All heavy atoms as atom14 arrays in JSON, in Angstrom:
{
  "sequence": "CTYAATVILKNVGVNFSRFRVKQPPPHTGLRVMYTPGPVAAGLQVEL",
  "atom14_mask": [
    [1, 1, 1, 1, 1, 1, 0, 0, 0, 0, 0, 0, 0, 0],
    [1, 1, 1, 1, 1, 1, 1, 0, 0, 0, 0, 0, 0, 0],
    [1, 1, 1, 1, 1, 1, 1, 1, 1, 1, 1, 1, 0, 0],
    [1, 1, 1, 1, 1, 0, 0, 0, 0, 0, 0, 0, 0, 0],
    [1, 1, 1, 1, 1, 0, 0, 0, 0, 0, 0, 0, 0, 0],
    [1, 1, 1, 1, 1, 1, 1, 0, 0, 0, 0, 0, 0, 0],
    [1, 1, 1, 1, 1, 1, 1, 0, 0, 0, 0, 0, 0, 0],
    [1, 1, 1, 1, 1, 1, 1, 1, 0, 0, 0, 0, 0, 0],
    [1, 1, 1, 1, 1, 1, 1, 1, 0, 0, 0, 0, 0, 0],
    [1, 1, 1, 1, 1, 1, 1, 1, 1, 0, 0, 0, 0, 0],
    [1, 1, 1, 1, 1, 1, 1, 1, 0, 0, 0, 0, 0, 0],
    [1, 1, 1, 1, 1, 1, 1, 0, 0, 0, 0, 0, 0, 0],
    [1, 1, 1, 1, 0, 0, 0, 0, 0, 0, 0, 0, 0, 0],
    [1, 1, 1, 1, 1, 1, 1, 0, 0, 0, 0, 0, 0, 0],
    [1, 1, 1, 1, 1, 1, 1, 1, 0, 0, 0, 0, 0, 0],
    [1, 1, 1, 1, 1, 1, 1, 1, 1, 1, 1, 0, 0, 0],
    [1, 1, 1, 1, 1, 1, 0, 0, 0, 0, 0, 0, 0, 0],
    [1, 1, 1, 1, 1, 1, 1, 1, 1, 1, 1, 0, 0, 0],
    [1, 1, 1, 1, 1, 1, 1, 1, 1, 1, 1, 0, 0, 0],
    [1, 1, 1, 1, 1, 1, 1, 1, 1, 1, 1, 0, 0, 0],
    [1, 1, 1, 1, 1, 1, 1, 0, 0, 0, 0, 0, 0, 0],
    [1, 1, 1, 1, 1, 1, 1, 1, 1, 0, 0, 0, 0, 0],
    [1, 1, 1, 1, 1, 1, 1, 1, 1, 0, 0, 0, 0, 0],
    [1, 1, 1, 1, 1, 1, 1, 0, 0, 0, 0, 0, 0, 0],
    [1, 1, 1, 1, 1, 1, 1, 0, 0, 0, 0, 0, 0, 0],
    [1, 1, 1, 1, 1, 1, 1, 0, 0, 0, 0, 0, 0, 0],
    [1, 1, 1, 1, 1, 1, 1, 1, 1, 1, 0, 0, 0, 0],
    [1, 1, 1, 1, 1, 1, 1, 0, 0, 0, 0, 0, 0, 0],
    [1, 1, 1, 1, 0, 0, 0, 0, 0, 0, 0, 0, 0, 0],
    [1, 1, 1, 1, 1, 1, 1, 1, 0, 0, 0, 0, 0, 0],
    [1, 1, 1, 1, 1, 1, 1, 1, 1, 1, 1, 0, 0, 0],
    [1, 1, 1, 1, 1, 1, 1, 0, 0, 0, 0, 0, 0, 0],
    [1, 1, 1, 1, 1, 1, 1, 1, 0, 0, 0, 0, 0, 0],
    [1, 1, 1, 1, 1, 1, 1, 1, 1, 1, 1, 1, 0, 0],
    [1, 1, 1, 1, 1, 1, 1, 0, 0, 0, 0, 0, 0, 0],
    [1, 1, 1, 1, 1, 1, 1, 0, 0, 0, 0, 0, 0, 0],
    [1, 1, 1, 1, 0, 0, 0, 0, 0, 0, 0, 0, 0, 0],
    [1, 1, 1, 1, 1, 1, 1, 0, 0, 0, 0, 0, 0, 0],
    [1, 1, 1, 1, 1, 1, 1, 0, 0, 0, 0, 0, 0, 0],
    [1, 1, 1, 1, 1, 0, 0, 0, 0, 0, 0, 0, 0, 0],
    [1, 1, 1, 1, 1, 0, 0, 0, 0, 0, 0, 0, 0, 0],
    [1, 1, 1, 1, 0, 0, 0, 0, 0, 0, 0, 0, 0, 0],
    [1, 1, 1, 1, 1, 1, 1, 1, 0, 0, 0, 0, 0, 0],
    [1, 1, 1, 1, 1, 1, 1, 1, 1, 0, 0, 0, 0, 0],
    [1, 1, 1, 1, 1, 1, 1, 0, 0, 0, 0, 0, 0, 0],
    [1, 1, 1, 1, 1, 1, 1, 1, 1, 0, 0, 0, 0, 0],
    [1, 1, 1, 1, 1, 1, 1, 1, 0, 0, 0, 0, 0, 0]
  ],
  "atom14_positions": [
    [[12.66, 88.89, 102.9], [12.73, 88.55, 101.44], [12.54, 87.08, 101.22], [12.72, 86.26, 102.08], [14.08, 89.01, 100.86], [14.34, 90.79, 100.98], [0.0, 0.0, 0.0], [0.0, 0.0, 0.0], [0.0, 0.0, 0.0], [0.0, 0.0, 0.0], [0.0, 0.0, 0.0], [0.0, 0.0, 0.0], [0.0, 0.0, 0.0], [0.0, 0.0, 0.0]],
    [[12.17, 86.73, 100.02], [11.97, 85.35, 99.65], [13.07, 84.97, 98.67], [13.34, 85.63, 97.71], [10.56, 85.11, 98.99], [9.59, 85.58, 99.95], [10.36, 83.65, 98.67], [0.0, 0.0, 0.0], [0.0, 0.0, 0.0], [0.0, 0.0, 0.0], [0.0, 0.0, 0.0], [0.0, 0.0, 0.0], [0.0, 0.0, 0.0], [0.0, 0.0, 0.0]],
    [[13.65, 83.77, 98.9], [14.72, 83.26, 98.07], [14.34, 81.84, 97.61], [13.57, 81.17, 98.28], [16.03, 83.22, 98.84], [16.5, 84.56, 99.3], [16.07, 85.12, 100.52], [17.37, 85.33, 98.52], [16.47, 86.33, 100.95], [17.78, 86.6, 98.98], [17.31, 87.07, 100.19], [17.72, 88.31, 100.61], [0.0, 0.0, 0.0], [0.0, 0.0, 0.0]],
    [[14.88, 81.43, 96.45], [14.58, 80.09, 95.92], [15.83, 79.43, 95.35], [16.78, 80.15, 94.89], [13.49, 80.18, 94.85], [0.0, 0.0, 0.0], [0.0, 0.0, 0.0], [0.0, 0.0, 0.0], [0.0, 0.0, 0.0], [0.0, 0.0, 0.0], [0.0, 0.0, 0.0], [0.0, 0.0, 0.0], [0.0, 0.0, 0.0], [0.0, 0.0, 0.0]],
    [[15.86, 78.16, 95.37], [16.94, 77.32, 94.78], [16.27, 76.09, 94.22], [15.27, 75.61, 94.66], [17.97, 76.93, 95.84], [0.0, 0.0, 0.0], [0.0, 0.0, 0.0], [0.0, 0.0, 0.0], [0.0, 0.0, 0.0], [0.0, 0.0, 0.0], [0.0, 0.0, 0.0], [0.0, 0.0, 0.0], [0.0, 0.0, 0.0], [0.0, 0.0, 0.0]],
    [[16.85, 75.61, 93.11], [16.37, 74.45, 92.44], [17.24, 73.23, 92.7], [18.46, 73.29, 92.55], [16.24, 74.71, 90.92], [15.4, 75.82, 90.72], [15.65, 73.52, 90.19], [0.0, 0.0, 0.0], [0.0, 0.0, 0.0], [0.0, 0.0, 0.0], [0.0, 0.0, 0.0], [0.0, 0.0, 0.0], [0.0, 0.0, 0.0], [0.0, 0.0, 0.0]],
    [[16.64, 72.1, 93.03], [17.32, 70.87, 93.25], [16.72, 69.85, 92.28], [15.45, 69.81, 92.07], [17.15, 70.38, 94.7], [17.73, 68.97, 94.91], [17.75, 71.35, 95.64], [0.0, 0.0, 0.0], [0.0, 0.0, 0.0], [0.0, 0.0, 0.0], [0.0, 0.0, 0.0], [0.0, 0.0, 0.0], [0.0, 0.0, 0.0], [0.0, 0.0, 0.0]],
    [[17.56, 69.02, 91.67], [17.09, 68.01, 90.74], [17.05, 66.68, 91.44], [18.03, 66.26, 92.1], [18.02, 67.96, 89.48], [17.91, 69.28, 88.71], [17.7, 66.74, 88.65], [18.89, 69.42, 87.6], [0.0, 0.0, 0.0], [0.0, 0.0, 0.0], [0.0, 0.0, 0.0], [0.0, 0.0, 0.0], [0.0, 0.0, 0.0], [0.0, 0.0, 0.0]],
    [[15.92, 65.99, 91.28], [15.75, 64.62, 91.81], [15.73, 63.7, 90.64], [14.73, 63.73, 89.85], [14.45, 64.58, 92.65], [14.13, 63.26, 93.34], [15.2, 63.04, 94.49], [12.76, 63.28, 93.95], [0.0, 0.0, 0.0], [0.0, 0.0, 0.0], [0.0, 0.0, 0.0], [0.0, 0.0, 0.0], [0.0, 0.0, 0.0], [0.0, 0.0, 0.0]],
    [[16.77, 62.94, 90.47], [16.93, 62.06, 89.28], [16.69, 60.63, 89.61], [17.22, 60.12, 90.55], [18.31, 62.25, 88.69], [18.53, 61.49, 87.42], [19.8, 61.88, 86.75], [19.88, 61.13, 85.39], [20.97, 61.6, 84.59], [0.0, 0.0, 0.0], [0.0, 0.0, 0.0], [0.0, 0.0, 0.0], [0.0, 0.0, 0.0], [0.0, 0.0, 0.0]],
    [[15.83, 59.93, 88.84], [15.61, 58.53, 89.02], [16.77, 57.76, 88.33], [16.87, 57.74, 87.12], [14.26, 58.15, 88.39], [13.87, 56.7, 88.63], [14.68, 55.89, 89.14], [12.71, 56.36, 88.22], [0.0, 0.0, 0.0], [0.0, 0.0, 0.0], [0.0, 0.0, 0.0], [0.0, 0.0, 0.0], [0.0, 0.0, 0.0], [0.0, 0.0, 0.0]],
    [[17.58, 57.08, 89.15], [18.7, 56.34, 88.62], [18.4, 54.86, 88.57], [19.33, 54.03, 88.27], [19.99, 56.6, 89.44], [20.44, 58.06, 89.31], [19.79, 56.26, 90.93], [0.0, 0.0, 0.0], [0.0, 0.0, 0.0], [0.0, 0.0, 0.0], [0.0, 0.0, 0.0], [0.0, 0.0, 0.0], [0.0, 0.0, 0.0], [0.0, 0.0, 0.0]],
    [[17.16, 54.46, 88.79], [16.82, 53.07, 88.75], [16.41, 52.64, 87.31], [16.52, 53.42, 86.35], [0.0, 0.0, 0.0], [0.0, 0.0, 0.0], [0.0, 0.0, 0.0], [0.0, 0.0, 0.0], [0.0, 0.0, 0.0], [0.0, 0.0, 0.0], [0.0, 0.0, 0.0], [0.0, 0.0, 0.0], [0.0, 0.0, 0.0], [0.0, 0.0, 0.0]],
    [[15.98, 51.38, 87.15], [15.53, 50.87, 85.85], [13.98, 50.84, 85.77], [13.5, 50.55, 84.68], [16.09, 49.46, 85.63], [17.59, 49.49, 85.55], [15.64, 48.5, 86.67], [0.0, 0.0, 0.0], [0.0, 0.0, 0.0], [0.0, 0.0, 0.0], [0.0, 0.0, 0.0], [0.0, 0.0, 0.0], [0.0, 0.0, 0.0], [0.0, 0.0, 0.0]],
    [[13.3, 51.17, 86.81], [11.8, 51.22, 86.79], [11.35, 52.61, 87.09], [12.11, 53.44, 87.65], [11.23, 50.3, 87.85], [11.57, 48.82, 87.58], [11.58, 48.42, 86.43], [11.83, 48.1, 88.64], [0.0, 0.0, 0.0], [0.0, 0.0, 0.0], [0.0, 0.0, 0.0], [0.0, 0.0, 0.0], [0.0, 0.0, 0.0], [0.0, 0.0, 0.0]],
    [[10.05, 52.92, 86.8], [9.53, 54.18, 87.24], [9.37, 54.12, 88.73], [9.19, 53.05, 89.33], [8.19, 54.48, 86.55], [7.05, 53.55, 86.97], [6.27, 53.89, 88.02], [6.8, 52.38, 86.31], [5.23, 53.06, 88.45], [5.79, 51.57, 86.66], [4.99, 51.9, 87.73], [0.0, 0.0, 0.0], [0.0, 0.0, 0.0], [0.0, 0.0, 0.0]],
    [[9.5, 55.26, 89.4], [9.38, 55.32, 90.85], [8.6, 56.54, 91.23], [8.51, 57.51, 90.49], [10.77, 55.4, 91.53], [11.47, 54.21, 91.36], [0.0, 0.0, 0.0], [0.0, 0.0, 0.0], [0.0, 0.0, 0.0], [0.0, 0.0, 0.0], [0.0, 0.0, 0.0], [0.0, 0.0, 0.0], [0.0, 0.0, 0.0], [0.0, 0.0, 0.0]],
    [[7.99, 56.45, 92.42], [7.21, 57.57, 92.96], [7.94, 58.15, 94.16], [8.74, 57.49, 94.81], [5.85, 57.11, 93.37], [5.02, 56.63, 92.22], [3.58, 56.19, 92.65], [2.83, 55.64, 91.57], [2.15, 56.36, 90.74], [2.12, 57.66, 90.84], [1.51, 55.81, 89.74], [0.0, 0.0, 0.0], [0.0, 0.0, 0.0], [0.0, 0.0, 0.0]],
    [[7.67, 59.36, 94.46], [8.22, 60.04, 95.61], [7.22, 61.08, 96.13], [6.27, 61.41, 95.44], [9.54, 60.74, 95.29], [9.37, 61.96, 94.47], [9.38, 63.24, 95.09], [9.2, 61.92, 93.1], [9.19, 64.38, 94.36], [9.02, 63.09, 92.38], [8.99, 64.31, 92.96], [0.0, 0.0, 0.0], [0.0, 0.0, 0.0], [0.0, 0.0, 0.0]],
    [[7.39, 61.48, 97.38], [6.61, 62.62, 97.87], [7.53, 63.35, 98.87], [8.43, 62.75, 99.49], [5.32, 62.21, 98.51], [5.39, 61.47, 99.79], [3.95, 61.12, 100.29], [4.02, 60.54, 101.59], [4.04, 61.23, 102.71], [3.96, 62.53, 102.68], [4.1, 60.63, 103.87], [0.0, 0.0, 0.0], [0.0, 0.0, 0.0], [0.0, 0.0, 0.0]],
    [[7.28, 64.62, 99.02], [8.07, 65.5, 99.86], [7.31, 65.78, 101.15], [6.16, 66.25, 101.05], [8.51, 66.76, 99.15], [9.31, 67.65, 100.09], [9.32, 66.42, 97.93], [0.0, 0.0, 0.0], [0.0, 0.0, 0.0], [0.0, 0.0, 0.0], [0.0, 0.0, 0.0], [0.0, 0.0, 0.0], [0.0, 0.0, 0.0], [0.0, 0.0, 0.0]],
    [[7.9, 65.6, 102.31], [7.3, 65.98, 103.53], [7.62, 67.47, 103.76], [8.81, 67.81, 103.95], [7.87, 65.12, 104.65], [7.17, 65.25, 106.02], [7.69, 64.27, 106.99], [7.06, 64.44, 108.32], [7.67, 63.57, 109.34], [0.0, 0.0, 0.0], [0.0, 0.0, 0.0], [0.0, 0.0, 0.0], [0.0, 0.0, 0.0], [0.0, 0.0, 0.0]],
    [[6.62, 68.27, 103.69], [6.81, 69.73, 103.74], [7.39, 70.13, 105.15], [6.95, 69.6, 106.19], [5.5, 70.51, 103.53], [5.03, 70.4, 102.12], [5.87, 71.16, 101.12], [6.62, 72.08, 101.47], [5.79, 70.74, 99.87], [0.0, 0.0, 0.0], [0.0, 0.0, 0.0], [0.0, 0.0, 0.0], [0.0, 0.0, 0.0], [0.0, 0.0, 0.0]],
    [[8.38, 71.02, 105.17], [8.95, 71.46, 106.46], [7.93, 72.25, 107.28], [6.94, 72.8, 106.73], [10.06, 72.39, 106.05], [10.29, 72.19, 104.59], [9.05, 71.61, 104.04], [0.0, 0.0, 0.0], [0.0, 0.0, 0.0], [0.0, 0.0, 0.0], [0.0, 0.0, 0.0], [0.0, 0.0, 0.0], [0.0, 0.0, 0.0], [0.0, 0.0, 0.0]],
    [[8.11, 72.34, 108.61], [7.14, 73.11, 109.44], [7.19, 74.61, 109.05], [8.28, 75.13, 108.6], [7.65, 72.88, 110.85], [8.98, 72.21, 110.77], [9.11, 71.66, 109.38], [0.0, 0.0, 0.0], [0.0, 0.0, 0.0], [0.0, 0.0, 0.0], [0.0, 0.0, 0.0], [0.0, 0.0, 0.0], [0.0, 0.0, 0.0], [0.0, 0.0, 0.0]],
    [[6.1, 75.32, 109.26], [5.99, 76.73, 108.85], [7.01, 77.65, 109.5], [7.46, 78.64, 108.91], [4.57, 77.09, 109.2], [3.82, 75.86, 109.36], [4.84, 74.82, 109.76], [0.0, 0.0, 0.0], [0.0, 0.0, 0.0], [0.0, 0.0, 0.0], [0.0, 0.0, 0.0], [0.0, 0.0, 0.0], [0.0, 0.0, 0.0], [0.0, 0.0, 0.0]],
    [[7.44, 77.33, 110.73], [8.32, 78.25, 111.46], [9.71, 78.29, 110.8], [10.48, 79.21, 111.11], [8.44, 77.92, 112.94], [9.16, 76.56, 113.18], [10.49, 76.47, 113.21], [8.63, 75.33, 113.36], [10.83, 75.19, 113.47], [9.76, 74.51, 113.56], [0.0, 0.0, 0.0], [0.0, 0.0, 0.0], [0.0, 0.0, 0.0], [0.0, 0.0, 0.0]],
    [[10.06, 77.35, 109.96], [11.36, 77.38, 109.27], [11.35, 78.37, 108.1], [12.41, 78.81, 107.7], [11.74, 76.02, 108.69], [10.77, 75.58, 107.76], [11.86, 74.98, 109.83], [0.0, 0.0, 0.0], [0.0, 0.0, 0.0], [0.0, 0.0, 0.0], [0.0, 0.0, 0.0], [0.0, 0.0, 0.0], [0.0, 0.0, 0.0], [0.0, 0.0, 0.0]],
    [[10.16, 78.71, 107.58], [10.07, 79.56, 106.43], [10.34, 78.86, 105.1], [10.37, 79.46, 104.02], [0.0, 0.0, 0.0], [0.0, 0.0, 0.0], [0.0, 0.0, 0.0], [0.0, 0.0, 0.0], [0.0, 0.0, 0.0], [0.0, 0.0, 0.0], [0.0, 0.0, 0.0], [0.0, 0.0, 0.0], [0.0, 0.0, 0.0], [0.0, 0.0, 0.0]],
    [[10.5, 77.53, 105.16], [10.8, 76.73, 103.95], [9.57, 76.16, 103.37], [8.55, 75.86, 104.03], [11.73, 75.57, 104.33], [13.18, 75.97, 104.66], [13.89, 74.76, 105.31], [13.89, 76.38, 103.43], [0.0, 0.0, 0.0], [0.0, 0.0, 0.0], [0.0, 0.0, 0.0], [0.0, 0.0, 0.0], [0.0, 0.0, 0.0], [0.0, 0.0, 0.0]],
    [[9.59, 76.02, 102.02], [8.48, 75.4, 101.31], [9.08, 74.74, 100.09], [10.02, 75.24, 99.44], [7.46, 76.46, 100.88], [6.2, 75.88, 100.3], [5.18, 76.93, 100.15], [5.57, 77.86, 99.09], [4.78, 78.74, 98.5], [3.57, 78.86, 98.9], [5.27, 79.52, 97.55], [0.0, 0.0, 0.0], [0.0, 0.0, 0.0], [0.0, 0.0, 0.0]],
    [[8.59, 73.55, 99.7], [9.08, 72.8, 98.58], [7.93, 72.72, 97.55], [6.87, 72.26, 97.84], [9.54, 71.37, 98.98], [10.09, 70.64, 97.74], [10.58, 71.4, 100.08], [0.0, 0.0, 0.0], [0.0, 0.0, 0.0], [0.0, 0.0, 0.0], [0.0, 0.0, 0.0], [0.0, 0.0, 0.0], [0.0, 0.0, 0.0], [0.0, 0.0, 0.0]],
    [[8.24, 73.17, 96.32], [7.25, 73.11, 95.27], [7.76, 72.12, 94.22], [8.92, 72.18, 93.75], [7.07, 74.51, 94.64], [6.41, 75.44, 95.65], [6.16, 77.1, 95.04], [7.87, 77.62, 94.94], [0.0, 0.0, 0.0], [0.0, 0.0, 0.0], [0.0, 0.0, 0.0], [0.0, 0.0, 0.0], [0.0, 0.0, 0.0], [0.0, 0.0, 0.0]],
    [[6.85, 71.21, 93.82], [7.21, 70.19, 92.82], [5.97, 69.68, 92.19], [4.85, 69.92, 92.64], [7.98, 69.08, 93.47], [7.23, 68.25, 94.48], [6.65, 67.02, 94.14], [7.05, 68.68, 95.77], [5.96, 66.26, 95.03], [6.33, 67.95, 96.69], [5.79, 66.73, 96.31], [5.07, 65.97, 97.23], [0.0, 0.0, 0.0], [0.0, 0.0, 0.0]],
    [[6.11, 68.92, 91.08], [5.04, 68.31, 90.37], [4.93, 66.87, 90.78], [5.85, 66.12, 90.53], [5.2, 68.42, 88.87], [5.37, 69.79, 88.51], [3.99, 67.83, 88.12], [0.0, 0.0, 0.0], [0.0, 0.0, 0.0], [0.0, 0.0, 0.0], [0.0, 0.0, 0.0], [0.0, 0.0, 0.0], [0.0, 0.0, 0.0], [0.0, 0.0, 0.0]],
    [[3.87, 66.41, 91.46], [3.79, 65.01, 91.9], [3.54, 64.09, 90.74], [3.11, 64.53, 89.67], [2.64, 65.03, 92.91], [1.83, 66.2, 92.55], [2.76, 67.22, 91.92], [0.0, 0.0, 0.0], [0.0, 0.0, 0.0], [0.0, 0.0, 0.0], [0.0, 0.0, 0.0], [0.0, 0.0, 0.0], [0.0, 0.0, 0.0], [0.0, 0.0, 0.0]],
    [[3.84, 62.84, 90.96], [3.61, 61.83, 89.92], [4.76, 60.89, 89.78], [5.87, 61.11, 90.37], [0.0, 0.0, 0.0], [0.0, 0.0, 0.0], [0.0, 0.0, 0.0], [0.0, 0.0, 0.0], [0.0, 0.0, 0.0], [0.0, 0.0, 0.0], [0.0, 0.0, 0.0], [0.0, 0.0, 0.0], [0.0, 0.0, 0.0], [0.0, 0.0, 0.0]],
    [[4.64, 59.8, 89.04], [5.75, 58.89, 88.82], [6.87, 59.52, 87.96], [6.61, 60.35, 87.13], [5.13, 57.67, 88.13], [3.92, 58.24, 87.46], [3.41, 59.41, 88.27], [0.0, 0.0, 0.0], [0.0, 0.0, 0.0], [0.0, 0.0, 0.0], [0.0, 0.0, 0.0], [0.0, 0.0, 0.0], [0.0, 0.0, 0.0], [0.0, 0.0, 0.0]],
    [[8.08, 59.06, 88.2], [9.22, 59.48, 87.47], [9.81, 58.33, 86.73], [10.17, 57.29, 87.37], [10.33, 60.11, 88.37], [11.49, 60.65, 87.57], [9.72, 61.24, 89.22], [0.0, 0.0, 0.0], [0.0, 0.0, 0.0], [0.0, 0.0, 0.0], [0.0, 0.0, 0.0], [0.0, 0.0, 0.0], [0.0, 0.0, 0.0], [0.0, 0.0, 0.0]],
    [[9.88, 58.39, 85.4], [10.39, 57.29, 84.61], [11.89, 57.07, 84.84], [12.58, 58.03, 85.27], [10.1, 57.56, 83.13], [0.0, 0.0, 0.0], [0.0, 0.0, 0.0], [0.0, 0.0, 0.0], [0.0, 0.0, 0.0], [0.0, 0.0, 0.0], [0.0, 0.0, 0.0], [0.0, 0.0, 0.0], [0.0, 0.0, 0.0], [0.0, 0.0, 0.0]],
    [[12.41, 55.89, 84.55], [13.79, 55.56, 84.7], [14.64, 56.51, 83.87], [14.36, 56.78, 82.68], [14.06, 54.14, 84.31], [0.0, 0.0, 0.0], [0.0, 0.0, 0.0], [0.0, 0.0, 0.0], [0.0, 0.0, 0.0], [0.0, 0.0, 0.0], [0.0, 0.0, 0.0], [0.0, 0.0, 0.0], [0.0, 0.0, 0.0], [0.0, 0.0, 0.0]],
    [[15.64, 57.13, 84.52], [16.56, 58.07, 83.83], [16.08, 59.43, 83.73], [16.85, 60.32, 83.36], [0.0, 0.0, 0.0], [0.0, 0.0, 0.0], [0.0, 0.0, 0.0], [0.0, 0.0, 0.0], [0.0, 0.0, 0.0], [0.0, 0.0, 0.0], [0.0, 0.0, 0.0], [0.0, 0.0, 0.0], [0.0, 0.0, 0.0], [0.0, 0.0, 0.0]],
    [[14.84, 59.75, 84.08], [14.37, 61.11, 84.02], [14.48, 61.78, 85.38], [14.87, 61.17, 86.36], [12.95, 61.13, 83.55], [12.69, 60.67, 82.12], [11.23, 60.88, 81.74], [13.56, 61.38, 81.13], [0.0, 0.0, 0.0], [0.0, 0.0, 0.0], [0.0, 0.0, 0.0], [0.0, 0.0, 0.0], [0.0, 0.0, 0.0], [0.0, 0.0, 0.0]],
    [[14.18, 63.11, 85.39], [14.4, 63.88, 86.6], [13.24, 64.82, 86.79], [12.5, 65.11, 85.92], [15.69, 64.6, 86.56], [15.85, 65.56, 85.43], [17.23, 65.99, 85.18], [18.17, 65.29, 85.47], [17.36, 67.21, 84.61], [0.0, 0.0, 0.0], [0.0, 0.0, 0.0], [0.0, 0.0, 0.0], [0.0, 0.0, 0.0], [0.0, 0.0, 0.0]],
    [[13.1, 65.25, 88.07], [12.05, 66.21, 88.46], [12.76, 67.38, 89.17], [13.72, 67.12, 89.92], [11.05, 65.56, 89.39], [10.09, 66.57, 89.93], [10.3, 64.44, 88.66], [0.0, 0.0, 0.0], [0.0, 0.0, 0.0], [0.0, 0.0, 0.0], [0.0, 0.0, 0.0], [0.0, 0.0, 0.0], [0.0, 0.0, 0.0], [0.0, 0.0, 0.0]],
    [[12.31, 68.6, 88.96], [12.88, 69.72, 89.66], [12.06, 70.04, 90.9], [10.85, 70.05, 90.84], [12.87, 70.95, 88.75], [13.9, 70.9, 87.65], [13.97, 72.2, 86.88], [13.22, 73.15, 87.14], [14.87, 72.29, 86.02], [0.0, 0.0, 0.0], [0.0, 0.0, 0.0], [0.0, 0.0, 0.0], [0.0, 0.0, 0.0], [0.0, 0.0, 0.0]],
    [[12.78, 70.2, 92.03], [12.2, 70.57, 93.28], [12.66, 71.96, 93.52], [13.82, 72.32, 93.5], [12.64, 69.7, 94.44], [12.53, 68.22, 94.31], [13.12, 67.51, 95.54], [11.06, 67.83, 94.18], [0.0, 0.0, 0.0], [0.0, 0.0, 0.0], [0.0, 0.0, 0.0], [0.0, 0.0, 0.0], [0.0, 0.0, 0.0], [0.0, 0.0, 0.0]]
  ]
}
């Protein structure tokens, strides 16, 4: 079966910041889906 959970990545700085996720190896069965791009100060992105 496939299961999912949502994690919030919140920018707590005063500037916009960028991030990227290093995808886990396939044998773990894990995958991270997110929208790439800069995150403005105080805003958040769902992973």
